[in-house]
Each structure stands twice: as structure tokens, then as C-alpha cells.
Amino acid sequence: MNYQLELNDRPFKAILKGTKKVEGRVPTHWDKTPYEQMKKGDTITFFRVSDRKEMTVAVLYVRHYPDTKTMLESEGTKNVLSSGGNIKQGINSYNSIENYQENIPKYGIYAIGVKSLKE
């Protein structure tokens, strides 16, 4: 299965470069992607918000966590955060995304291991 998601410039570049290995996602009213059904072997086509440039990645794994702190501790901030921040900064960053702060306690957060399929 191929999923289509948007990404901002910094994480887009970091995944393309291979420095960001995990994309964290939370179900919201504006993102109906069935993350609980995503699995190894699926692909994601990311569209960069700024210019709609596409990048397809392989899904290596999907792990579900109860909260952002647990995800960042388990997956490692260097693998998840394109900003290079620490756990506290990572929590603040995820909480700043529309509806994430309210929805993480309800739905948890999905860590999606990704690898760019560079052509």
C-alpha cells in the first residue's frame, strides 16, 4: 500500500539525506491516514509543502507509543527530530502541531521507520 503525506522542508530534506530515520505521526481530524494499518513493506510518498516536490520512502516498521516522550526515548531524538533538539524540545515541537497535543493522550503517537527510495 502507498500512503501520501505532506512534510515541511526541514524533515523532507533530513529524510532524503538519511539523517531522519523516523517520522512521528498522530491521527487528527485533518489527517485520516490509518497509521494502525501501516506496515513494513508499504511506501509513503511525501509531498514537500513548499513546492509539492515528491519523495517516496519505504516503511521499515511502525511502532505505537502512548506519548511523545516514550517515542523519543525509544527511537532516539537524532533519528526522529530533524531539528537536532532534545526530548523536551521534541515534545514541544510535536505539541505545536495542530491537534497533536489534544490527540496524543487519546490515540498515542506512531513512529514510522522510513528509508528514502532515491532514484
C-alpha atoms as a PDB file:
ATOM      1  CA  MET A   1       0.000   0.000   0.000  1.00  0.00           C
ATOM      2  CA  ASN A   2       1.193   3.511  -0.748  1.00  0.00           C
ATOM      3  CA  TYR A   3       0.253   6.387   1.541  1.00  0.00           C
ATOM      4  CA  GLN A   4       0.501  10.073   0.649  1.00  0.00           C
ATOM      5  CA  LEU A   5       1.519  12.603   3.301  1.00  0.00           C
ATOM      6  CA  GLU A   6       2.816  16.160   3.440  1.00  0.00           C
ATOM      7  CA  LEU A   7       6.097  17.206   5.037  1.00  0.00           C
ATOM      8  CA  ASN A   8       7.718  20.529   5.774  1.00  0.00           C
ATOM      9  CA  ASP A   9      11.066  21.402   4.201  1.00  0.00           C
ATOM     10  CA  ARG A  10      13.456  20.531   7.057  1.00  0.00           C
ATOM     11  CA  PRO A  11      12.161  16.999   7.735  1.00  0.00           C
ATOM     12  CA  PHE A  12      11.809  16.389   3.986  1.00  0.00           C
ATOM     13  CA  LYS A  13      15.493  17.205   3.434  1.00  0.00           C
ATOM     14  CA  ALA A  14      16.558  15.195   6.502  1.00  0.00           C
ATOM     15  CA  ILE A  15      14.741  12.051   5.342  1.00  0.00           C
ATOM     16  CA  LEU A  16      16.157  12.476   1.843  1.00  0.00           C
ATOM     17  CA  LYS A  17      19.661  12.806   3.334  1.00  0.00           C
ATOM     18  CA  GLY A  18      19.112   9.803   5.611  1.00  0.00           C
ATOM     19  CA  THR A  19      19.626  11.649   8.897  1.00  0.00           C
ATOM     20  CA  LYS A  20      15.948  11.473   9.897  1.00  0.00           C
ATOM     21  CA  LYS A  21      15.012   7.812  10.091  1.00  0.00           C
ATOM     22  CA  VAL A  22      11.677   8.008  11.936  1.00  0.00           C
ATOM     23  CA  GLU A  23       8.583  10.044  11.137  1.00  0.00           C
ATOM     24  CA  GLY A  24       6.211  10.598  14.065  1.00  0.00           C
ATOM     25  CA  ARG A  25       2.505  10.915  13.279  1.00  0.00           C
ATOM     26  CA  VAL A  26      -0.741  11.282  15.243  1.00  0.00           C
ATOM     27  CA  PRO A  27      -4.297  10.795  13.939  1.00  0.00           C
ATOM     28  CA  THR A  28      -6.182  14.112  13.687  1.00  0.00           C
ATOM     29  CA  HIS A  29      -9.390  15.385  12.142  1.00  0.00           C
ATOM     30  CA  TRP A  30      -7.353  16.642   9.156  1.00  0.00           C
ATOM     31  CA  ASP A  31      -5.151  13.533   8.797  1.00  0.00           C
ATOM     32  CA  LYS A  32      -7.235  10.401   8.338  1.00  0.00           C
ATOM     33  CA  THR A  33      -4.278   8.146   7.457  1.00  0.00           C
ATOM     34  CA  PRO A  34      -4.846   4.719   9.064  1.00  0.00           C
ATOM     35  CA  TYR A  35      -1.449   4.532  10.777  1.00  0.00           C
ATOM     36  CA  GLU A  36      -2.549   1.450  12.732  1.00  0.00           C
ATOM     37  CA  GLN A  37      -2.791  -0.429   9.395  1.00  0.00           C
ATOM     38  CA  MET A  38       0.558   0.757   8.020  1.00  0.00           C
ATOM     39  CA  LYS A  39       3.203  -1.963   7.931  1.00  0.00           C
ATOM     40  CA  LYS A  40       6.692  -2.914   6.811  1.00  0.00           C
ATOM     41  CA  GLY A  41       6.884  -3.063   3.041  1.00  0.00           C
ATOM     42  CA  ASP A  42       4.382  -0.250   2.472  1.00  0.00           C
ATOM     43  CA  THR A  43       5.555   3.001   0.903  1.00  0.00           C
ATOM     44  CA  ILE A  44       4.856   6.642   1.636  1.00  0.00           C
ATOM     45  CA  THR A  45       5.022   9.399  -0.933  1.00  0.00           C
ATOM     46  CA  PHE A  46       5.847  12.605   0.898  1.00  0.00           C
ATOM     47  CA  PHE A  47       4.945  15.905  -0.742  1.00  0.00           C
ATOM     48  CA  ARG A  48       7.024  18.873   0.383  1.00  0.00           C
ATOM     49  CA  VAL A  49       4.594  21.602   1.456  1.00  0.00           C
ATOM     50  CA  SER A  50       6.632  24.455  -0.047  1.00  0.00           C
ATOM     51  CA  ASP A  51       6.802  23.215  -3.639  1.00  0.00           C
ATOM     52  CA  ARG A  52       4.992  19.830  -3.819  1.00  0.00           C
ATOM     53  CA  LYS A  53       8.263  18.028  -4.617  1.00  0.00           C
ATOM     54  CA  GLU A  54       7.771  14.285  -4.120  1.00  0.00           C
ATOM     55  CA  MET A  55       9.867  11.686  -2.328  1.00  0.00           C
ATOM     56  CA  THR A  56       8.914   8.046  -1.884  1.00  0.00           C
ATOM     57  CA  VAL A  57      10.147   6.131   1.132  1.00  0.00           C
ATOM     58  CA  ALA A  58       9.971   2.516   2.225  1.00  0.00           C
ATOM     59  CA  VAL A  59       8.245   1.814   5.532  1.00  0.00           C
ATOM     60  CA  LEU A  60      10.669  -0.252   7.621  1.00  0.00           C
ATOM     61  CA  TYR A  61       8.428  -0.572  10.678  1.00  0.00           C
ATOM     62  CA  VAL A  62       5.574   1.094  12.539  1.00  0.00           C
ATOM     63  CA  ARG A  63       5.604   1.313  16.331  1.00  0.00           C
ATOM     64  CA  HIS A  64       2.863   2.772  18.504  1.00  0.00           C
ATOM     65  CA  TYR A  65       3.723   4.712  21.667  1.00  0.00           C
ATOM     66  CA  PRO A  66       1.477   6.148  24.383  1.00  0.00           C
ATOM     67  CA  ASP A  67       3.222   9.540  24.317  1.00  0.00           C
ATOM     68  CA  THR A  68       5.899  11.598  22.600  1.00  0.00           C
ATOM     69  CA  LYS A  69       8.442  11.263  25.421  1.00  0.00           C
ATOM     70  CA  THR A  70       8.347   7.464  25.258  1.00  0.00           C
ATOM     71  CA  MET A  71       8.706   7.549  21.477  1.00  0.00           C
ATOM     72  CA  LEU A  72      11.681   9.930  21.588  1.00  0.00           C
ATOM     73  CA  GLU A  73      13.396   7.908  24.331  1.00  0.00           C
ATOM     74  CA  SER A  74      12.846   4.630  22.480  1.00  0.00           C
ATOM     75  CA  GLU A  75      13.599   5.765  18.929  1.00  0.00           C
ATOM     76  CA  GLY A  76      16.275   8.349  19.786  1.00  0.00           C
ATOM     77  CA  THR A  77      15.974  12.081  19.209  1.00  0.00           C
ATOM     78  CA  LYS A  78      18.659  12.017  16.491  1.00  0.00           C
ATOM     79  CA  ASN A  79      16.523   9.575  14.473  1.00  0.00           C
ATOM     80  CA  VAL A  80      13.207  11.417  14.954  1.00  0.00           C
ATOM     81  CA  LEU A  81      13.929  15.139  15.163  1.00  0.00           C
ATOM     82  CA  SER A  82      15.172  16.952  12.083  1.00  0.00           C
ATOM     83  CA  SER A  83      15.876  19.943  14.339  1.00  0.00           C
ATOM     84  CA  GLY A  84      18.517  18.115  16.348  1.00  0.00           C
ATOM     85  CA  GLY A  85      16.727  19.027  19.575  1.00  0.00           C
ATOM     86  CA  ASN A  86      16.482  17.193  22.879  1.00  0.00           C
ATOM     87  CA  ILE A  87      13.473  15.324  24.314  1.00  0.00           C
ATOM     88  CA  LYS A  88      11.870  18.423  25.855  1.00  0.00           C
ATOM     89  CA  GLN A  89      12.256  20.374  22.605  1.00  0.00           C
ATOM     90  CA  GLY A  90      10.869  17.402  20.676  1.00  0.00           C
ATOM     91  CA  ILE A  91       7.793  17.210  22.901  1.00  0.00           C
ATOM     92  CA  ASN A  92       7.235  20.941  22.449  1.00  0.00           C
ATOM     93  CA  SER A  93       7.673  20.608  18.695  1.00  0.00           C
ATOM     94  CA  TYR A  94       5.101  17.802  18.392  1.00  0.00           C
ATOM     95  CA  ASN A  95       2.708  19.634  20.717  1.00  0.00           C
ATOM     96  CA  SER A  96       2.887  22.691  18.460  1.00  0.00           C
ATOM     97  CA  ILE A  97       1.391  20.750  15.519  1.00  0.00           C
ATOM     98  CA  GLU A  98      -2.337  21.375  15.139  1.00  0.00           C
ATOM     99  CA  ASN A  99      -4.376  18.900  17.255  1.00  0.00           C
ATOM    100  CA  TYR A 100      -1.359  16.807  18.328  1.00  0.00           C
ATOM    101  CA  GLN A 101      -1.334  17.964  21.968  1.00  0.00           C
ATOM    102  CA  GLU A 102      -5.018  17.023  22.356  1.00  0.00           C
ATOM    103  CA  ASN A 103      -4.854  13.805  20.326  1.00  0.00           C
ATOM    104  CA  ILE A 104      -1.666  12.182  21.640  1.00  0.00           C
ATOM    105  CA  PRO A 105      -3.320  11.314  25.005  1.00  0.00           C
ATOM    106  CA  LYS A 106      -6.301   9.841  23.078  1.00  0.00           C
ATOM    107  CA  TYR A 107      -4.543   7.975  20.259  1.00  0.00           C
ATOM    108  CA  GLY A 108      -0.850   7.826  21.111  1.00  0.00           C
ATOM    109  CA  ILE A 109       1.838   8.524  18.530  1.00  0.00           C
ATOM    110  CA  TYR A 110       3.117   6.359  15.704  1.00  0.00           C
ATOM    111  CA  ALA A 111       6.829   6.073  14.944  1.00  0.00           C
ATOM    112  CA  ILE A 112       7.272   5.146  11.305  1.00  0.00           C
ATOM    113  CA  GLY A 113      10.730   3.917  10.351  1.00  0.00           C
ATOM    114  CA  VAL A 114      11.471   5.200   6.852  1.00  0.00           C
ATOM    115  CA  LYS A 115      14.181   4.970   4.227  1.00  0.00           C
ATOM    116  CA  SER A 116      14.280   7.121   1.117  1.00  0.00           C
ATOM    117  CA  LEU A 117      13.961   5.261  -2.173  1.00  0.00           C
ATOM    118  CA  LYS A 118      16.317   7.591  -4.037  1.00  0.00           C
ATOM    119  CA  GLU A 119      16.275   7.166  -7.768  1.00  0.00           C
END
